[in-house]
Protein backbone atom coordinates (compact mmCIF):
# COMPACT_ATOMS: atom_id res chain seq x y z
CA MET A 1 -26.19 -69.48 90.92
CA ASN A 2 -24.47 -66.94 88.92
CA ILE A 3 -21.10 -66.54 88.08
CA THR A 4 -19.43 -63.90 86.27
CA ARG A 5 -15.64 -62.58 85.71
CA GLU A 6 -14.39 -59.16 85.24
CA ASN A 7 -10.67 -59.17 83.60
CA VAL A 8 -8.80 -56.71 85.29
CA ASP A 9 -5.92 -56.79 82.87
CA ALA A 10 -4.23 -59.69 80.91
CA LEU A 11 -2.93 -61.26 84.30
CA ASN A 12 -5.52 -60.45 86.86
CA ALA A 13 -9.23 -60.97 87.08
CA VAL A 14 -12.04 -61.09 89.51
CA VAL A 15 -14.59 -63.86 89.74
CA LYS A 16 -17.89 -63.17 91.52
CA VAL A 17 -20.25 -65.86 92.73
CA ASP A 18 -23.85 -65.15 93.41
CA ILE A 19 -25.73 -67.80 95.45
CA ALA A 20 -29.45 -67.81 95.77
CA LYS A 21 -31.61 -69.42 98.47
CA GLU A 22 -33.02 -72.01 96.32
CA ASP A 23 -29.21 -73.19 95.70
CA TYR A 24 -28.79 -74.30 99.15
CA SER A 25 -32.07 -74.46 100.88
CA ASP A 26 -33.12 -78.00 100.07
CA LYS A 27 -29.88 -79.34 101.12
CA VAL A 28 -29.87 -77.40 104.64
CA GLU A 29 -33.44 -78.58 105.20
CA LYS A 30 -32.56 -82.47 104.61
CA ILE A 31 -29.41 -82.05 106.82
CA LEU A 32 -31.31 -80.55 109.44
CA THR A 33 -34.20 -83.18 109.28
CA ASP A 34 -31.75 -86.01 109.67
CA TYR A 35 -30.27 -83.99 112.64
CA ARG A 36 -33.69 -84.01 114.11
CA LYS A 37 -33.97 -87.75 114.02
CA THR A 38 -30.76 -88.35 115.98
CA ALA A 39 -30.54 -85.10 117.99
CA ASN A 40 -29.92 -85.78 122.07
CA ILE A 41 -31.47 -82.76 123.61
CA PRO A 42 -32.53 -82.96 127.27
CA GLY A 43 -36.40 -82.97 127.71
CA PHE A 44 -36.88 -84.43 124.43
CA ARG A 45 -37.21 -88.20 123.22
CA LYS A 46 -35.02 -88.74 120.27
CA GLY A 47 -36.53 -87.89 116.92
CA HIS A 48 -39.15 -85.45 118.62
CA VAL A 49 -37.34 -82.59 119.06
CA PRO A 50 -39.11 -79.31 117.63
CA MET A 51 -37.62 -78.39 114.27
CA GLY A 52 -37.47 -74.83 115.42
CA MET A 53 -35.04 -75.67 118.16
CA VAL A 54 -32.80 -77.99 115.63
CA LYS A 55 -32.47 -74.61 113.54
CA LYS A 56 -31.67 -72.52 116.31
CA GLN A 57 -28.98 -74.81 117.38
CA TYR A 58 -27.70 -76.28 114.30
CA GLY A 59 -28.98 -74.15 111.43
CA LYS A 60 -26.37 -71.51 111.14
CA ALA A 61 -23.29 -73.94 111.19
CA VAL A 62 -25.08 -76.14 108.47
CA LEU A 63 -25.87 -73.12 106.41
CA VAL A 64 -22.30 -72.08 106.50
CA ASP A 65 -20.93 -75.37 105.98
CA GLU A 66 -23.10 -76.14 102.74
CA VAL A 67 -22.71 -72.64 101.38
CA ASN A 68 -18.75 -72.87 101.62
CA LYS A 69 -19.05 -76.49 99.89
CA LEU A 70 -21.24 -75.02 97.16
CA LEU A 71 -18.90 -71.95 96.70
CA GLN A 72 -15.77 -74.12 96.36
CA ASP A 73 -17.43 -76.80 93.90
CA ALA A 74 -19.00 -73.79 91.94
CA LEU A 75 -15.67 -72.10 91.48
CA ASN A 76 -13.60 -75.36 90.68
CA LYS A 77 -15.93 -76.14 87.98
CA TYR A 78 -15.99 -72.66 86.55
CA LEU A 79 -12.33 -72.87 86.29
CA THR A 80 -12.36 -75.83 84.67
CA GLU A 81 -15.06 -75.35 82.13
CA GLU A 82 -13.55 -71.72 81.29
CA LYS A 83 -10.28 -73.39 80.74
CA LEU A 84 -8.55 -70.54 82.85
CA ASP A 85 -4.89 -71.09 83.53
CA VAL A 86 -4.55 -69.67 87.13
CA LEU A 87 -1.45 -69.22 89.16
CA GLY A 88 -1.71 -70.23 92.92
CA GLN A 89 -5.19 -70.36 94.11
CA PRO A 90 -8.11 -67.93 93.86
CA LEU A 91 -8.04 -65.59 96.85
CA PRO A 92 -11.24 -64.56 98.36
CA LYS A 93 -11.86 -60.77 98.57
CA PRO A 94 -12.35 -59.33 102.14
CA GLN A 95 -15.83 -58.25 102.97
CA ASP A 96 -17.94 -56.97 105.82
CA GLU A 97 -19.61 -59.53 108.37
CA ILE A 98 -21.98 -61.70 106.12
CA ASN A 99 -25.31 -61.47 107.12
CA TRP A 100 -26.05 -65.31 107.19
CA ASP A 101 -29.70 -64.53 107.66
CA ALA A 102 -30.05 -63.05 103.89
CA ASP A 103 -31.74 -64.83 101.09
CA GLY A 104 -28.55 -65.02 99.06
CA PHE A 105 -24.76 -64.34 99.35
CA SER A 106 -22.13 -62.92 96.96
CA PHE A 107 -18.55 -63.73 96.92
CA GLU A 108 -15.76 -62.21 95.12
CA PHE A 109 -12.05 -63.90 94.20
CA GLU A 110 -9.13 -62.72 92.93
CA LEU A 111 -7.30 -64.68 90.23
CA GLY A 112 -3.70 -64.67 88.96
CA LEU A 113 -3.63 -65.55 85.38
CA ALA A 114 -0.60 -67.44 83.59
CA PRO A 115 0.70 -65.16 81.06
CA GLU A 116 0.66 -65.61 77.16
CA PHE A 117 4.01 -66.44 75.82
CA ASN A 118 6.21 -68.03 73.13
CA VAL A 119 9.13 -70.37 73.73
CA ASP A 120 11.87 -69.98 71.19
CA LEU A 121 14.69 -72.97 71.70
CA LYS A 122 16.79 -71.60 68.67
CA SER A 123 19.13 -69.38 70.81
CA LYS A 124 21.12 -66.81 68.52
CA LYS A 125 24.48 -67.90 70.33
CA SER A 126 25.02 -71.54 70.48
CA ILE A 127 24.92 -73.40 73.64
CA THR A 128 27.72 -75.89 74.22
CA GLN A 129 26.85 -79.67 74.39
CA TYR A 130 29.96 -81.35 75.81
CA HIS A 131 31.20 -84.46 74.82
CA ILE A 132 33.62 -86.03 77.65
CA VAL A 133 36.04 -88.64 76.44
CA ALA A 134 38.22 -91.05 78.78
CA ASP A 135 41.55 -90.12 77.40
CA LYS A 136 44.83 -92.60 77.36
CA LYS A 137 46.05 -91.01 80.38
CA MET A 138 43.05 -91.40 82.52
CA ILE A 139 42.51 -94.93 81.31
CA ASP A 140 46.29 -95.93 82.26
CA GLU A 141 45.95 -94.31 85.49
CA GLN A 142 42.75 -96.42 86.13
CA VAL A 143 44.43 -99.43 85.07
CA GLU A 144 47.26 -98.86 87.80
CA ARG A 145 44.71 -97.98 90.53
CA ILE A 146 43.01 -101.54 89.96
CA GLN A 147 46.36 -103.20 90.10
CA LYS A 148 47.19 -101.28 93.24
CA GLN A 149 44.13 -102.25 94.58
CA TYR A 150 44.23 -105.74 93.92
CA GLY A 151 48.08 -106.07 94.54
CA LYS A 152 49.94 -107.12 97.46
CA LEU A 153 51.95 -105.39 100.21
CA VAL A 154 55.89 -106.09 100.19
CA SER A 155 57.85 -104.88 103.26
CA GLN A 156 60.69 -102.34 102.68
CA ASN A 157 63.56 -101.25 105.15
CA VAL A 158 63.13 -97.45 104.17
CA VAL A 159 60.69 -95.16 102.67
CA GLU A 160 60.77 -94.39 98.94
CA LYS A 161 58.41 -92.23 96.70
CA ASP A 162 55.85 -94.74 96.44
CA SER A 163 55.84 -96.33 99.68
CA GLU A 164 52.78 -97.06 101.73
CA ILE A 165 53.63 -95.87 105.39
CA ARG A 166 51.60 -96.92 108.44
CA GLY A 167 52.18 -94.82 111.47
CA THR A 168 51.00 -92.40 114.47
CA PHE A 169 50.41 -88.86 114.45
CA THR A 170 50.56 -87.27 118.14
CA ASN A 171 50.32 -84.08 119.55
CA GLU A 172 50.26 -83.90 123.41
CA GLU A 173 48.59 -80.43 123.62
CA LYS A 174 45.66 -81.21 121.48
CA GLU A 175 45.42 -84.71 122.37
CA ILE A 176 46.02 -86.08 119.20
CA ASP A 177 47.06 -89.78 118.75
CA ASN A 178 46.01 -91.35 115.67
CA THR A 179 47.55 -94.33 113.65
CA VAL A 180 46.81 -94.25 109.90
CA ALA A 181 48.10 -95.37 106.43
CA ILE A 182 49.73 -92.62 104.23
CA THR A 183 51.09 -92.08 101.01
CA LEU A 184 53.38 -89.37 100.00
CA ASP A 185 51.54 -88.14 97.08
CA LYS A 186 48.80 -86.85 99.40
CA PHE A 187 51.12 -84.23 100.94
CA LYS A 188 50.92 -80.62 99.34
CA GLY A 189 54.66 -79.61 99.46
CA LYS A 190 57.54 -81.56 97.97
CA SER A 191 59.57 -80.57 101.24
CA THR A 192 57.41 -82.57 103.05
CA GLU A 193 57.79 -85.84 100.98
CA LYS A 194 61.69 -85.01 101.26
CA GLN A 195 61.61 -85.56 104.97
CA PHE A 196 60.11 -88.94 104.56
CA ILE A 197 62.51 -90.23 101.94
CA GLY A 198 65.03 -92.66 103.52
CA ALA A 199 63.36 -92.67 106.87
CA LYS A 200 63.03 -96.17 108.59
CA VAL A 201 60.59 -98.03 110.95
CA GLY A 202 60.92 -96.11 114.41
CA ASP A 203 61.98 -92.56 113.10
CA VAL A 204 59.96 -89.52 114.09
CA ILE A 205 59.18 -86.94 111.72
CA THR A 206 57.92 -83.67 112.87
CA LEU A 207 55.41 -81.79 110.73
CA LYS A 208 53.42 -78.45 110.54
CA THR A 209 49.76 -78.96 109.94
CA LYS A 210 49.48 -75.49 108.18
CA GLY A 211 49.89 -76.25 104.44
CA LEU A 212 50.37 -80.06 105.04
CA TYR A 213 47.61 -80.97 102.67
CA ASP A 214 45.58 -79.37 99.85
CA ASP A 215 42.44 -80.64 101.49
CA ASP A 216 41.27 -79.92 105.06
CA HIS A 217 39.39 -83.40 104.93
CA GLU A 218 42.66 -85.27 104.38
CA LEU A 219 43.97 -83.62 107.77
CA MET A 220 41.02 -84.40 109.52
CA HIS A 221 41.28 -88.22 108.46
CA ALA A 222 44.94 -88.02 109.42
CA LEU A 223 44.62 -86.40 112.88
CA LYS A 224 41.12 -87.69 113.64
CA LEU A 225 39.81 -84.09 114.32
CA GLY A 226 36.67 -82.45 113.62
CA HIS A 227 36.07 -79.82 110.98
CA ASP A 228 35.96 -77.13 113.50
CA ASP A 229 39.19 -78.07 115.18
CA ILE A 230 41.02 -78.41 111.57
CA HIS A 231 40.03 -75.04 110.31
CA GLY A 232 42.94 -72.74 110.60
CA LEU A 233 44.99 -75.25 112.67
CA ASP A 234 48.54 -74.28 112.75
CA ILE A 235 50.63 -76.60 115.09
CA GLU A 236 53.42 -79.21 114.93
CA VAL A 237 52.77 -82.89 114.90
CA ASN A 238 55.09 -85.88 115.33
CA PHE A 239 54.66 -88.76 112.90
CA GLU A 240 56.12 -91.89 114.21
CA ILE A 241 56.65 -94.51 111.29
CA LYS A 242 55.51 -97.98 112.32
CA GLU A 243 55.36 -99.89 108.96
CA ILE A 244 56.89 -99.30 105.45
CA ASN A 245 55.18 -101.13 102.69
CA LYS A 246 55.41 -101.00 98.90
CA ARG A 247 52.18 -101.92 96.71
CA GLU A 248 53.08 -104.72 94.34
CA LEU A 249 50.98 -104.50 91.22
CA ALA A 250 48.66 -107.19 90.50
CA ASP A 251 49.21 -109.05 87.19
CA LEU A 252 46.63 -107.97 84.60
CA ASP A 253 45.68 -111.67 83.80
CA GLN A 254 42.47 -113.63 83.26
CA GLU A 255 41.95 -114.33 87.17
CA LEU A 256 41.91 -110.64 87.50
CA PHE A 257 39.57 -109.99 84.88
CA ASP A 258 37.12 -112.44 86.02
CA LYS A 259 37.29 -110.89 89.72
CA LEU A 260 36.51 -107.46 88.09
CA PHE A 261 33.73 -108.13 85.68
CA GLY A 262 32.56 -111.67 85.89
CA LYS A 263 33.82 -114.96 84.20
CA GLY A 264 34.89 -114.58 80.63
CA ILE A 265 33.46 -111.25 80.32
CA VAL A 266 36.71 -109.40 79.58
CA THR A 267 39.93 -111.54 78.27
CA SER A 268 42.50 -109.08 77.33
CA VAL A 269 44.16 -105.82 78.36
CA THR A 270 42.66 -104.37 75.39
CA GLU A 271 39.32 -105.45 76.37
CA LEU A 272 39.76 -104.12 79.95
CA LYS A 273 40.79 -100.41 78.80
CA ASN A 274 37.79 -100.73 76.37
CA LYS A 275 35.60 -101.46 79.29
CA ILE A 276 36.92 -98.85 81.82
CA LYS A 277 36.54 -96.29 78.69
CA GLU A 278 33.02 -97.37 78.02
CA ASP A 279 32.14 -97.49 82.01
CA ALA A 280 33.75 -93.91 82.38
CA GLU A 281 32.10 -92.34 79.43
CA LYS A 282 28.68 -93.38 80.48
CA GLN A 283 29.22 -91.49 83.82
CA PHE A 284 30.58 -88.44 82.01
CA LYS A 285 27.54 -88.32 79.54
CA GLN A 286 25.28 -88.02 82.84
CA GLN A 287 27.33 -85.26 83.90
CA ALA A 288 27.43 -83.55 80.36
CA ASP A 289 23.72 -83.97 80.03
CA GLN A 290 22.98 -82.31 83.34
CA LYS A 291 25.17 -79.58 82.57
CA LEU A 292 23.51 -79.03 79.08
CA LEU A 293 19.76 -79.13 80.86
CA ASN A 294 21.01 -76.42 83.36
CA ASP A 295 22.41 -74.22 80.53
CA VAL A 296 19.33 -74.69 78.23
CA THR A 297 17.08 -74.08 81.49
CA GLU A 298 19.00 -70.75 82.25
CA TYR A 299 19.08 -69.62 78.46
CA LEU A 300 15.03 -70.41 78.66
CA VAL A 301 14.26 -68.34 81.78
CA GLU A 302 16.56 -65.45 80.87
CA ASN A 303 15.30 -65.19 77.11
CA THR A 304 11.44 -66.16 77.16
CA LYS A 305 10.14 -62.78 78.05
CA PHE A 306 6.68 -62.19 79.85
CA ASP A 307 5.19 -60.61 82.84
CA LEU A 308 3.54 -62.52 85.75
CA PRO A 309 0.83 -61.19 88.27
CA ALA A 310 3.48 -60.26 90.87
CA GLN A 311 1.41 -58.47 93.34
CA PHE A 312 -1.25 -61.34 93.33
CA LEU A 313 1.26 -64.14 93.91
CA THR A 314 2.96 -62.05 96.66
CA LYS A 315 -0.50 -61.79 98.43
CA TRP A 316 -1.27 -65.50 97.66
CA MET A 317 2.17 -66.58 99.30
CA GLN A 318 1.09 -64.71 102.49
CA THR A 319 -1.25 -67.50 103.28
CA ALA A 320 -0.28 -70.88 101.01
CA GLY A 321 2.48 -72.03 103.10
CA GLU A 322 2.15 -73.90 106.79
CA LYS A 323 3.33 -70.68 108.24
CA GLU A 324 1.65 -67.28 107.46
CA MET A 325 4.07 -64.46 106.24
CA ASP A 326 3.94 -60.76 106.69
CA LEU A 327 4.11 -58.89 103.35
CA ASP A 328 7.97 -58.24 103.50
CA GLN A 329 8.49 -62.10 103.99
CA ALA A 330 6.28 -62.78 101.11
CA LYS A 331 8.02 -60.30 98.61
CA GLU A 332 11.24 -62.02 99.62
CA GLU A 333 9.91 -65.43 98.96
CA TYR A 334 8.60 -64.21 95.61
CA GLN A 335 11.75 -62.90 94.51
CA LYS A 336 13.43 -66.19 95.50
CA SER A 337 10.91 -68.22 93.71
CA GLU A 338 10.44 -66.23 90.58
CA LYS A 339 12.83 -68.02 88.46
CA SER A 340 11.53 -71.26 89.35
CA LEU A 341 8.12 -70.11 88.63
CA ARG A 342 9.33 -68.74 85.22
CA TYR A 343 10.72 -71.97 84.23
CA GLN A 344 7.57 -74.13 85.29
CA LEU A 345 5.58 -72.20 83.17
CA ILE A 346 8.13 -72.47 80.24
CA GLU A 347 8.52 -76.11 80.79
CA GLY A 348 4.65 -76.78 80.88
CA LYS A 349 4.34 -75.00 77.42
CA LEU A 350 7.10 -77.29 76.05
CA ILE A 351 5.55 -80.26 77.44
CA GLU A 352 1.97 -79.37 75.97
CA GLU A 353 3.31 -78.05 72.57
CA ASN A 354 5.35 -81.03 71.87
CA ASP A 355 3.15 -83.61 73.26
CA ILE A 356 5.41 -84.95 75.78
CA LYS A 357 4.12 -87.63 78.03
CA VAL A 358 5.22 -90.38 80.76
CA THR A 359 2.91 -93.46 80.66
CA MET A 360 2.54 -95.93 83.66
CA ASP A 361 4.31 -98.32 81.27
CA ASP A 362 7.10 -95.93 80.96
CA ILE A 363 7.49 -95.65 84.54
CA LYS A 364 7.26 -99.28 85.17
CA ASN A 365 9.82 -100.03 82.72
CA HIS A 366 12.13 -97.58 84.07
CA ALA A 367 11.91 -99.07 87.31
CA ARG A 368 12.56 -102.50 86.08
CA ASP A 369 15.81 -101.42 84.45
CA MET A 370 16.95 -99.55 87.47
CA ILE A 371 16.40 -102.59 89.87
CA LYS A 372 17.91 -104.80 87.03
CA ALA A 373 21.09 -102.65 87.05
CA GLN A 374 21.32 -102.67 90.85
CA MET A 375 20.89 -106.56 91.19
CA ALA A 376 23.55 -106.73 88.59
CA GLN A 377 25.89 -104.72 90.83
CA PHE A 378 25.51 -107.86 93.24
CA GLY A 379 25.99 -110.58 91.01
CA GLN A 380 22.50 -111.35 90.12
CA MET A 381 22.83 -110.95 86.15
CA ASN A 382 19.38 -112.81 85.21
CA PRO A 383 16.50 -111.89 87.37
CA SER A 384 13.25 -113.31 86.20
CA ASP A 385 10.42 -111.12 84.86
CA LYS A 386 8.15 -111.83 87.61
CA GLU A 387 10.83 -111.04 90.11
CA LEU A 388 11.42 -107.87 88.28
CA ASP A 389 7.70 -106.92 88.34
CA ASP A 390 7.18 -107.86 91.95
CA ILE A 391 10.06 -105.53 93.13
CA ALA A 392 8.98 -102.86 90.64
CA ALA A 393 5.30 -102.94 92.07
CA ARG A 394 6.54 -102.55 95.55
CA VAL A 395 8.95 -99.57 94.68
CA LEU A 396 5.94 -97.83 92.76
CA SER A 397 3.40 -98.41 95.63
CA ASN A 398 5.39 -95.46 97.26
CA GLN A 399 3.89 -92.40 95.48
CA ASP A 400 6.89 -90.08 96.31
CA GLU A 401 9.28 -92.73 94.40
CA ALA A 402 6.76 -93.10 91.42
CA ARG A 403 6.60 -89.21 91.09
CA ARG A 404 10.45 -88.91 91.34
CA ILE A 405 10.84 -91.46 88.41
CA SER A 406 8.03 -89.73 86.45
CA GLU A 407 9.93 -86.39 86.76
CA GLN A 408 13.29 -88.15 85.82
CA LEU A 409 11.53 -89.43 82.58
CA ILE A 410 9.93 -85.88 81.85
CA SER A 411 13.53 -84.39 82.51
CA GLN A 412 15.23 -86.83 79.72
CA LYS A 413 12.33 -86.13 77.28
CA LEU A 414 12.98 -82.63 77.82
CA LEU A 415 16.82 -83.29 77.29
CA ASN A 416 16.24 -85.10 74.09
CA LEU A 417 14.01 -82.34 72.79
CA TYR A 418 16.72 -79.59 73.42
CA LYS A 419 19.30 -81.82 71.69
CA GLU A 420 16.89 -81.99 68.74
CA LYS A 421 15.57 -78.40 68.51
CA ALA A 422 18.33 -76.30 70.25
CA ASN A 423 20.93 -74.42 68.64
CA LEU A 424 24.02 -76.37 70.04
CA LYS A 425 27.47 -76.86 69.37
CA VAL A 426 29.22 -80.05 70.36
CA LYS A 427 32.57 -79.66 72.08
CA GLU A 428 34.69 -82.78 72.86
CA LEU A 429 37.26 -82.77 75.42
CA THR A 430 38.66 -84.67 78.22
CA TYR A 431 37.15 -85.11 81.89
CA GLU A 432 40.13 -83.14 83.43
CA ASN A 433 39.49 -80.26 80.88
CA PHE A 434 35.70 -80.35 81.32
CA VAL A 435 36.20 -79.75 85.12
CA LYS A 436 38.66 -76.60 84.27
CA GLU A 437 36.13 -75.17 81.72
CA VAL A 438 33.10 -75.68 83.55
CA TYR A 439 33.98 -75.49 87.38
CA GLY A 440 37.43 -73.75 87.14
CA ASP A 441 40.74 -75.22 87.93
CA LYS A 442 40.58 -76.48 91.41
């Protein structure tokens, strides 16, 4: 067997595999001899079928199968030994009908080669690394929400600004008849709020659905209608008041603290606020980290310049999926996936150059930490090591789950690399201002 390579250019090559008769003849002969021992052909006793008949009936199929196996093994071994970094899979070059009666065969494969490039994490313009803090306003609002959640309802005679009102929305034409609890702060306009202030149980208030809420989902819940029915809905509905209550805030005492966090973990309002701040900022950090990861990824894709074997990859995509594509479909698919492919190559280079690895112990420890955190949410604060190991083993027996955790850990290590080496500027702001700056004032 002989394998040669011709480099078309820096990104494309053709590999030629020449297979001689001596490469496969012994193997084919052995398989046919075994066939002869077990062949069941009418008119002949088992094991006594003439070899010529066995070759005539099975010879070509066995030959084709063995040559293809030999070809794939040789090609894979060659790519490994030559340390060729190929994209996609080798594509066989079309050839005229193969003469399987010949004493040898030649096959050619097109290769798409990964480009050579350098990755520079030091951008000229700094990338913002957000540090999101929970400010006093947010913490106080959360304290009040907790007090409302654990407080008690006190009946009222008339609606006030902070009342909780239970009533029924109706509209005969649209067959709306839905009883819900509402609060006035959810309505979009102040004029709607004014209609309710001073109202009593039994009063019926007529409302226009258009512009009633900022969010269509609030209207869907209020009227118990589907999204398609709510979209553009402009009708009048009646709301009959059934109950008027006021939420009496729960006392910020030890009983409430223990109910929220477990016995003795929080013992004062100051500690409660510190705990709220700590928990909120943990969540904010995840969002800030994801934003940083996205921004660095975008910077690297836009600023790490290299060419790809686009024509080869387009051709490869035509047959790589479950469903074959025509050339136009493959071109469209390549355009959609080009950025993702570029980042995969950049990420792979960063992982290699910075020796980023994830071990099985890393994966197991991460799984244990996740399980421990989940168990803590259900009050199981001190699971045994055996219990954690057993659950982790069950989780990691799912290959998809193990791969997902591995990818999470790689992303975290890359994020740490970016924080260490990229040109970052830290910007501290509240969550409200972060949302405005990153997503717009919605």
